[in-house]
Amino acid sequence: MAEKKVGEIGDAFRQKLIDMAMLIHANPKQKKHDLAQKMDVSIRTATRYLRILQDLGIAGFEGAPKTGGYVLKDDFLSDIEQ
């Protein structure tokens, strides 16, 4: 599968990624299934969104697999706060 750049992503899909990032920002360290439920999407779709956010350097997983969760990267947070 060819890797897409941010500018090549459609508006609706881009908005879904922004919504996911906003959820992570509002409540860091959430599990994938919690994010999927809050966005009303399947876990597979949430996984796809999270993988894209990770590939873009926006989000990452922090902590142990059982107790950790998704957070926004410090680099990304400092960029949006400026």
PDB file of N, CA and C in Angstrom:
ATOM      1  N   MET A   1       0.847  -1.179   0.000  1.00  0.00           N
ATOM      2  CA  MET A   1       0.000   0.000   0.000  1.00  0.00           C
ATOM      3  C   MET A   1       0.888   1.236   0.000  1.00  0.00           C
ATOM      4  N   ALA A   2       0.608   2.156  -0.868  1.00  0.00           N
ATOM      5  CA  ALA A   2       1.414   3.374  -0.962  1.00  0.00           C
ATOM      6  C   ALA A   2       1.104   4.288   0.224  1.00  0.00           C
ATOM      7  N   GLU A   3       2.134   4.898   0.752  1.00  0.00           N
ATOM      8  CA  GLU A   3       1.964   5.804   1.889  1.00  0.00           C
ATOM      9  C   GLU A   3       1.459   7.143   1.379  1.00  0.00           C
ATOM     10  N   LYS A   4       0.405   7.658   2.023  1.00  0.00           N
ATOM     11  CA  LYS A   4      -0.169   8.943   1.618  1.00  0.00           C
ATOM     12  C   LYS A   4       0.424  10.056   2.458  1.00  0.00           C
ATOM     13  N   LYS A   5       0.527  11.212   1.850  1.00  0.00           N
ATOM     14  CA  LYS A   5       0.924  12.408   2.577  1.00  0.00           C
ATOM     15  C   LYS A   5      -0.337  13.065   3.114  1.00  0.00           C
ATOM     16  N   VAL A   6      -0.176  13.910   4.116  1.00  0.00           N
ATOM     17  CA  VAL A   6      -1.327  14.554   4.739  1.00  0.00           C
ATOM     18  C   VAL A   6      -2.172  15.295   3.721  1.00  0.00           C
ATOM     19  N   GLY A   7      -1.552  15.987   2.776  1.00  0.00           N
ATOM     20  CA  GLY A   7      -2.289  16.752   1.781  1.00  0.00           C
ATOM     21  C   GLY A   7      -3.108  15.900   0.833  1.00  0.00           C
ATOM     22  N   GLU A   8      -2.811  14.607   0.740  1.00  0.00           N
ATOM     23  CA  GLU A   8      -3.517  13.711  -0.166  1.00  0.00           C
ATOM     24  C   GLU A   8      -4.707  13.034   0.495  1.00  0.00           C
ATOM     25  N   ILE A   9      -4.910  13.258   1.783  1.00  0.00           N
ATOM     26  CA  ILE A   9      -6.020  12.647   2.507  1.00  0.00           C
ATOM     27  C   ILE A   9      -7.264  13.493   2.290  1.00  0.00           C
ATOM     28  N   GLY A  10      -8.393  12.835   2.053  1.00  0.00           N
ATOM     29  CA  GLY A  10      -9.644  13.550   1.842  1.00  0.00           C
ATOM     30  C   GLY A  10     -10.091  14.305   3.087  1.00  0.00           C
ATOM     31  N   ASP A  11     -10.925  15.313   2.882  1.00  0.00           N
ATOM     32  CA  ASP A  11     -11.374  16.170   3.978  1.00  0.00           C
ATOM     33  C   ASP A  11     -12.100  15.398   5.077  1.00  0.00           C
ATOM     34  N   ALA A  12     -12.990  14.497   4.718  1.00  0.00           N
ATOM     35  CA  ALA A  12     -13.757  13.740   5.716  1.00  0.00           C
ATOM     36  C   ALA A  12     -12.835  12.846   6.542  1.00  0.00           C
ATOM     37  N   PHE A  13     -11.898  12.189   5.870  1.00  0.00           N
ATOM     38  CA  PHE A  13     -10.961  11.315   6.566  1.00  0.00           C
ATOM     39  C   PHE A  13     -10.027  12.139   7.455  1.00  0.00           C
ATOM     40  N   ARG A  14      -9.583  13.282   6.953  1.00  0.00           N
ATOM     41  CA  ARG A  14      -8.726  14.173   7.738  1.00  0.00           C
ATOM     42  C   ARG A  14      -9.446  14.605   9.011  1.00  0.00           C
ATOM     43  N   GLN A  15     -10.751  14.896   8.894  1.00  0.00           N
ATOM     44  CA  GLN A  15     -11.531  15.304  10.063  1.00  0.00           C
ATOM     45  C   GLN A  15     -11.614  14.171  11.085  1.00  0.00           C
ATOM     46  N   LYS A  16     -11.740  12.940  10.624  1.00  0.00           N
ATOM     47  CA  LYS A  16     -11.763  11.790  11.547  1.00  0.00           C
ATOM     48  C   LYS A  16     -10.446  11.695  12.311  1.00  0.00           C
ATOM     49  N   LEU A  17      -9.331  11.925  11.625  1.00  0.00           N
ATOM     50  CA  LEU A  17      -8.026  11.885  12.283  1.00  0.00           C
ATOM     51  C   LEU A  17      -7.912  13.013  13.309  1.00  0.00           C
ATOM     52  N   ILE A  18      -8.416  14.186  12.964  1.00  0.00           N
ATOM     53  CA  ILE A  18      -8.401  15.313  13.903  1.00  0.00           C
ATOM     54  C   ILE A  18      -9.265  14.994  15.113  1.00  0.00           C
ATOM     55  N   ASP A  19     -10.437  14.407  14.876  1.00  0.00           N
ATOM     56  CA  ASP A  19     -11.322  14.022  15.980  1.00  0.00           C
ATOM     57  C   ASP A  19     -10.631  13.032  16.916  1.00  0.00           C
ATOM     58  N   MET A  20      -9.931  12.064  16.336  1.00  0.00           N
ATOM     59  CA  MET A  20      -9.210  11.074  17.147  1.00  0.00           C
ATOM     60  C   MET A  20      -8.118  11.762  17.962  1.00  0.00           C
ATOM     61  N   ALA A  21      -7.373  12.658  17.341  1.00  0.00           N
ATOM     62  CA  ALA A  21      -6.307  13.372  18.051  1.00  0.00           C
ATOM     63  C   ALA A  21      -6.885  14.227  19.174  1.00  0.00           C
ATOM     64  N   MET A  22      -8.040  14.846  18.947  1.00  0.00           N
ATOM     65  CA  MET A  22      -8.683  15.662  19.983  1.00  0.00           C
ATOM     66  C   MET A  22      -9.124  14.804  21.164  1.00  0.00           C
ATOM     67  N   LEU A  23      -9.641  13.612  20.876  1.00  0.00           N
ATOM     68  CA  LEU A  23     -10.029  12.701  21.957  1.00  0.00           C
ATOM     69  C   LEU A  23      -8.823  12.288  22.789  1.00  0.00           C
ATOM     70  N   ILE A  24      -7.716  12.008  22.114  1.00  0.00           N
ATOM     71  CA  ILE A  24      -6.496  11.612  22.822  1.00  0.00           C
ATOM     72  C   ILE A  24      -5.993  12.784  23.654  1.00  0.00           C
ATOM     73  N   HIS A  25      -6.047  13.976  23.091  1.00  0.00           N
ATOM     74  CA  HIS A  25      -5.582  15.156  23.815  1.00  0.00           C
ATOM     75  C   HIS A  25      -6.440  15.431  25.055  1.00  0.00           C
ATOM     76  N   ALA A  26      -7.739  15.259  24.924  1.00  0.00           N
ATOM     77  CA  ALA A  26      -8.661  15.520  26.032  1.00  0.00           C
ATOM     78  C   ALA A  26      -8.504  14.504  27.165  1.00  0.00           C
ATOM     79  N   ASN A  27      -8.221  13.262  26.816  1.00  0.00           N
ATOM     80  CA  ASN A  27      -8.083  12.185  27.805  1.00  0.00           C
ATOM     81  C   ASN A  27      -6.922  11.281  27.430  1.00  0.00           C
ATOM     82  N   PRO A  28      -5.691  11.680  27.755  1.00  0.00           N
ATOM     83  CA  PRO A  28      -4.529  10.856  27.402  1.00  0.00           C
ATOM     84  C   PRO A  28      -4.576   9.474  28.047  1.00  0.00           C
ATOM     85  N   LYS A  29      -3.850   8.562  27.452  1.00  0.00           N
ATOM     86  CA  LYS A  29      -3.683   7.181  27.922  1.00  0.00           C
ATOM     87  C   LYS A  29      -4.956   6.343  27.803  1.00  0.00           C
ATOM     88  N   GLN A  30      -5.790   6.658  26.819  1.00  0.00           N
ATOM     89  CA  GLN A  30      -6.970   5.844  26.558  1.00  0.00           C
ATOM     90  C   GLN A  30      -6.573   4.614  25.757  1.00  0.00           C
ATOM     91  N   LYS A  31      -7.309   3.566  25.924  1.00  0.00           N
ATOM     92  CA  LYS A  31      -7.110   2.339  25.160  1.00  0.00           C
ATOM     93  C   LYS A  31      -7.803   2.474  23.797  1.00  0.00           C
ATOM     94  N   LYS A  32      -7.348   1.645  22.877  1.00  0.00           N
ATOM     95  CA  LYS A  32      -7.891   1.643  21.519  1.00  0.00           C
ATOM     96  C   LYS A  32      -9.400   1.402  21.514  1.00  0.00           C
ATOM     97  N   HIS A  33      -9.867   0.452  22.316  1.00  0.00           N
ATOM     98  CA  HIS A  33     -11.302   0.147  22.309  1.00  0.00           C
ATOM     99  C   HIS A  33     -12.126   1.302  22.877  1.00  0.00           C
ATOM    100  N   ASP A  34     -11.575   2.064  23.828  1.00  0.00           N
ATOM    101  CA  ASP A  34     -12.278   3.242  24.355  1.00  0.00           C
ATOM    102  C   ASP A  34     -12.411   4.318  23.280  1.00  0.00           C
ATOM    103  N   LEU A  35     -11.329   4.543  22.549  1.00  0.00           N
ATOM    104  CA  LEU A  35     -11.356   5.535  21.473  1.00  0.00           C
ATOM    105  C   LEU A  35     -12.346   5.119  20.385  1.00  0.00           C
ATOM    106  N   ALA A  36     -12.348   3.835  20.042  1.00  0.00           N
ATOM    107  CA  ALA A  36     -13.269   3.328  19.022  1.00  0.00           C
ATOM    108  C   ALA A  36     -14.714   3.556  19.453  1.00  0.00           C
ATOM    109  N   GLN A  37     -14.994   3.273  20.714  1.00  0.00           N
ATOM    110  CA  GLN A  37     -16.353   3.441  21.224  1.00  0.00           C
ATOM    111  C   GLN A  37     -16.774   4.913  21.214  1.00  0.00           C
ATOM    112  N   LYS A  38     -15.886   5.796  21.634  1.00  0.00           N
ATOM    113  CA  LYS A  38     -16.214   7.222  21.673  1.00  0.00           C
ATOM    114  C   LYS A  38     -16.410   7.804  20.281  1.00  0.00           C
ATOM    115  N   MET A  39     -15.703   7.250  19.290  1.00  0.00           N
ATOM    116  CA  MET A  39     -15.849   7.743  17.916  1.00  0.00           C
ATOM    117  C   MET A  39     -16.926   6.990  17.147  1.00  0.00           C
ATOM    118  N   ASP A  40     -17.483   5.961  17.777  1.00  0.00           N
ATOM    119  CA  ASP A  40     -18.510   5.131  17.157  1.00  0.00           C
ATOM    120  C   ASP A  40     -18.008   4.494  15.862  1.00  0.00           C
ATOM    121  N   VAL A  41     -16.799   3.895  15.963  1.00  0.00           N
ATOM    122  CA  VAL A  41     -16.209   3.157  14.844  1.00  0.00           C
ATOM    123  C   VAL A  41     -15.757   1.797  15.368  1.00  0.00           C
ATOM    124  N   SER A  42     -15.448   0.897  14.464  1.00  0.00           N
ATOM    125  CA  SER A  42     -14.956  -0.418  14.872  1.00  0.00           C
ATOM    126  C   SER A  42     -13.530  -0.298  15.418  1.00  0.00           C
ATOM    127  N   ILE A  43     -13.109  -1.307  16.152  1.00  0.00           N
ATOM    128  CA  ILE A  43     -11.735  -1.314  16.672  1.00  0.00           C
ATOM    129  C   ILE A  43     -10.748  -1.342  15.509  1.00  0.00           C
ATOM    130  N   ARG A  44     -11.096  -2.037  14.450  1.00  0.00           N
ATOM    131  CA  ARG A  44     -10.216  -2.089  13.274  1.00  0.00           C
ATOM    132  C   ARG A  44     -10.040  -0.692  12.658  1.00  0.00           C
ATOM    133  N   THR A  45     -11.121   0.069  12.570  1.00  0.00           N
ATOM    134  CA  THR A  45     -11.039   1.427  12.033  1.00  0.00           C
ATOM    135  C   THR A  45     -10.228   2.317  12.962  1.00  0.00           C
ATOM    136  N   ALA A  46     -10.468   2.193  14.273  1.00  0.00           N
ATOM    137  CA  ALA A  46      -9.694   2.969  15.248  1.00  0.00           C
ATOM    138  C   ALA A  46      -8.215   2.622  15.140  1.00  0.00           C
ATOM    139  N   THR A  47      -7.912   1.359  14.933  1.00  0.00           N
ATOM    140  CA  THR A  47      -6.512   0.930  14.764  1.00  0.00           C
ATOM    141  C   THR A  47      -5.896   1.598  13.546  1.00  0.00           C
ATOM    142  N   ARG A  48      -6.648   1.675  12.464  1.00  0.00           N
ATOM    143  CA  ARG A  48      -6.153   2.321  11.238  1.00  0.00           C
ATOM    144  C   ARG A  48      -5.887   3.801  11.485  1.00  0.00           C
ATOM    145  N   TYR A  49      -6.814   4.488  12.157  1.00  0.00           N
ATOM    146  CA  TYR A  49      -6.618   5.900  12.471  1.00  0.00           C
ATOM    147  C   TYR A  49      -5.388   6.090  13.350  1.00  0.00           C
ATOM    148  N   LEU A  50      -5.248   5.253  14.368  1.00  0.00           N
ATOM    149  CA  LEU A  50      -4.114   5.372  15.285  1.00  0.00           C
ATOM    150  C   LEU A  50      -2.793   5.106  14.576  1.00  0.00           C
ATOM    151  N   ARG A  51      -2.779   4.139  13.673  1.00  0.00           N
ATOM    152  CA  ARG A  51      -1.555   3.835  12.926  1.00  0.00           C
ATOM    153  C   ARG A  51      -1.146   5.031  12.072  1.00  0.00           C
ATOM    154  N   ILE A  52      -2.114   5.678  11.458  1.00  0.00           N
ATOM    155  CA  ILE A  52      -1.815   6.856  10.637  1.00  0.00           C
ATOM    156  C   ILE A  52      -1.295   7.989  11.514  1.00  0.00           C
ATOM    157  N   LEU A  53      -1.946   8.229  12.660  1.00  0.00           N
ATOM    158  CA  LEU A  53      -1.483   9.268  13.577  1.00  0.00           C
ATOM    159  C   LEU A  53      -0.063   8.970  14.069  1.00  0.00           C
ATOM    160  N   GLN A  54       0.231   7.699  14.283  1.00  0.00           N
ATOM    161  CA  GLN A  54       1.588   7.324  14.700  1.00  0.00           C
ATOM    162  C   GLN A  54       2.578   7.543  13.560  1.00  0.00           C
ATOM    163  N   ASP A  55       2.213   7.154  12.358  1.00  0.00           N
ATOM    164  CA  ASP A  55       3.093   7.335  11.195  1.00  0.00           C
ATOM    165  C   ASP A  55       3.383   8.817  10.938  1.00  0.00           C
ATOM    166  N   LEU A  56       2.404   9.666  11.236  1.00  0.00           N
ATOM    167  CA  LEU A  56       2.577  11.111  11.044  1.00  0.00           C
ATOM    168  C   LEU A  56       3.326  11.757  12.206  1.00  0.00           C
ATOM    169  N   GLY A  57       3.609  10.995  13.252  1.00  0.00           N
ATOM    170  CA  GLY A  57       4.328  11.528  14.402  1.00  0.00           C
ATOM    171  C   GLY A  57       3.449  12.344  15.336  1.00  0.00           C
ATOM    172  N   ILE A  58       2.150  12.135  15.261  1.00  0.00           N
ATOM    173  CA  ILE A  58       1.209  12.888  16.081  1.00  0.00           C
ATOM    174  C   ILE A  58       0.917  12.174  17.396  1.00  0.00           C
ATOM    175  N   ALA A  59       0.726  10.873  17.341  1.00  0.00           N
ATOM    176  CA  ALA A  59       0.358  10.101  18.527  1.00  0.00           C
ATOM    177  C   ALA A  59       1.302   8.921  18.707  1.00  0.00           C
ATOM    178  N   GLY A  60       1.267   8.372  19.910  1.00  0.00           N
ATOM    179  CA  GLY A  60       2.057   7.197  20.207  1.00  0.00           C
ATOM    180  C   GLY A  60       1.466   6.466  21.397  1.00  0.00           C
ATOM    181  N   PHE A  61       1.931   5.250  21.611  1.00  0.00           N
ATOM    182  CA  PHE A  61       1.472   4.451  22.742  1.00  0.00           C
ATOM    183  C   PHE A  61       2.506   4.576  23.835  1.00  0.00           C
ATOM    184  N   GLU A  62       2.046   4.828  25.052  1.00  0.00           N
ATOM    185  CA  GLU A  62       2.941   4.990  26.191  1.00  0.00           C
ATOM    186  C   GLU A  62       2.566   3.999  27.275  1.00  0.00           C
ATOM    187  N   GLY A  63       3.578   3.356  27.857  1.00  0.00           N
ATOM    188  CA  GLY A  63       3.331   2.452  28.970  1.00  0.00           C
ATOM    189  C   GLY A  63       3.294   1.001  28.545  1.00  0.00           C
ATOM    190  N   ALA A  64       2.972   0.171  29.513  1.00  0.00           N
ATOM    191  CA  ALA A  64       2.892  -1.273  29.284  1.00  0.00           C
ATOM    192  C   ALA A  64       1.620  -1.609  28.507  1.00  0.00           C
ATOM    193  N   PRO A  65       1.635  -2.721  27.783  1.00  0.00           N
ATOM    194  CA  PRO A  65       0.454  -3.077  26.989  1.00  0.00           C
ATOM    195  C   PRO A  65      -0.853  -3.146  27.799  1.00  0.00           C
ATOM    196  N   LYS A  66      -0.794  -3.621  29.029  1.00  0.00           N
ATOM    197  CA  LYS A  66      -2.019  -3.750  29.825  1.00  0.00           C
ATOM    198  C   LYS A  66      -2.451  -2.442  30.483  1.00  0.00           C
ATOM    199  N   THR A  67      -1.511  -1.587  30.818  1.00  0.00           N
ATOM    200  CA  THR A  67      -1.856  -0.385  31.581  1.00  0.00           C
ATOM    201  C   THR A  67      -1.634   0.917  30.816  1.00  0.00           C
ATOM    202  N   GLY A  68      -0.983   0.855  29.672  1.00  0.00           N
ATOM    203  CA  GLY A  68      -0.680   2.063  28.905  1.00  0.00           C
ATOM    204  C   GLY A  68      -1.831   2.493  28.029  1.00  0.00           C
ATOM    205  N   GLY A  69      -1.590   3.549  27.280  1.00  0.00           N
ATOM    206  CA  GLY A  69      -2.599   4.054  26.367  1.00  0.00           C
ATOM    207  C   GLY A  69      -1.985   5.041  25.387  1.00  0.00           C
ATOM    208  N   TYR A  70      -2.821   5.624  24.562  1.00  0.00           N
ATOM    209  CA  TYR A  70      -2.361   6.524  23.512  1.00  0.00           C
ATOM    210  C   TYR A  70      -2.259   7.955  24.019  1.00  0.00           C
ATOM    211  N   VAL A  71      -1.207   8.625  23.594  1.00  0.00           N
ATOM    212  CA  VAL A  71      -0.954  10.024  23.950  1.00  0.00           C
ATOM    213  C   VAL A  71      -0.502  10.760  22.701  1.00  0.00           C
ATOM    214  N   LEU A  72      -0.642  12.078  22.725  1.00  0.00           N
ATOM    215  CA  LEU A  72      -0.091  12.896  21.647  1.00  0.00           C
ATOM    216  C   LEU A  72       1.382  13.127  21.939  1.00  0.00           C
ATOM    217  N   LYS A  73       2.185  13.149  20.906  1.00  0.00           N
ATOM    218  CA  LYS A  73       3.630  13.347  21.046  1.00  0.00           C
ATOM    219  C   LYS A  73       3.931  14.768  21.494  1.00  0.00           C
ATOM    220  N   ASP A  74       4.949  14.908  22.332  1.00  0.00           N
ATOM    221  CA  ASP A  74       5.350  16.222  22.837  1.00  0.00           C
ATOM    222  C   ASP A  74       5.713  17.177  21.704  1.00  0.00           C
ATOM    223  N   ASP A  75       6.385  16.672  20.666  1.00  0.00           N
ATOM    224  CA  ASP A  75       6.757  17.501  19.524  1.00  0.00           C
ATOM    225  C   ASP A  75       5.523  18.103  18.856  1.00  0.00           C
ATOM    226  N   PHE A  76       4.504  17.278  18.699  1.00  0.00           N
ATOM    227  CA  PHE A  76       3.270  17.733  18.069  1.00  0.00           C
ATOM    228  C   PHE A  76       2.569  18.754  18.953  1.00  0.00           C
ATOM    229  N   LEU A  77       2.509  18.493  20.247  1.00  0.00           N
ATOM    230  CA  LEU A  77       1.862  19.429  21.166  1.00  0.00           C
ATOM    231  C   LEU A  77       2.554  20.778  21.184  1.00  0.00           C
ATOM    232  N   SER A  78       3.879  20.780  21.167  1.00  0.00           N
ATOM    233  CA  SER A  78       4.596  22.063  21.167  1.00  0.00           C
ATOM    234  C   SER A  78       4.369  22.817  19.861  1.00  0.00           C
ATOM    235  N   ASP A  79       4.217  22.099  18.762  1.00  0.00           N
ATOM    236  CA  ASP A  79       3.944  22.745  17.470  1.00  0.00           C
ATOM    237  C   ASP A  79       2.576  23.421  17.461  1.00  0.00           C
ATOM    238  N   ILE A  80       1.554  22.772  18.028  1.00  0.00           N
ATOM    239  CA  ILE A  80       0.228  23.368  17.978  1.00  0.00           C
ATOM    240  C   ILE A  80       0.031  24.449  19.026  1.00  0.00           C
ATOM    241  N   GLU A  81       0.856  24.466  20.058  1.00  0.00           N
ATOM    242  CA  GLU A  81       0.742  25.492  21.084  1.00  0.00           C
ATOM    243  C   GLU A  81       1.398  26.803  20.669  1.00  0.00           C
ATOM    244  N   GLN A  82       2.201  26.792  19.629  1.00  0.00           N
ATOM    245  CA  GLN A  82       2.889  28.013  19.193  1.00  0.00           C
ATOM    246  C   GLN A  82       2.009  28.867  18.324  1.00  0.00           C
TER     247      GLN A  82
END
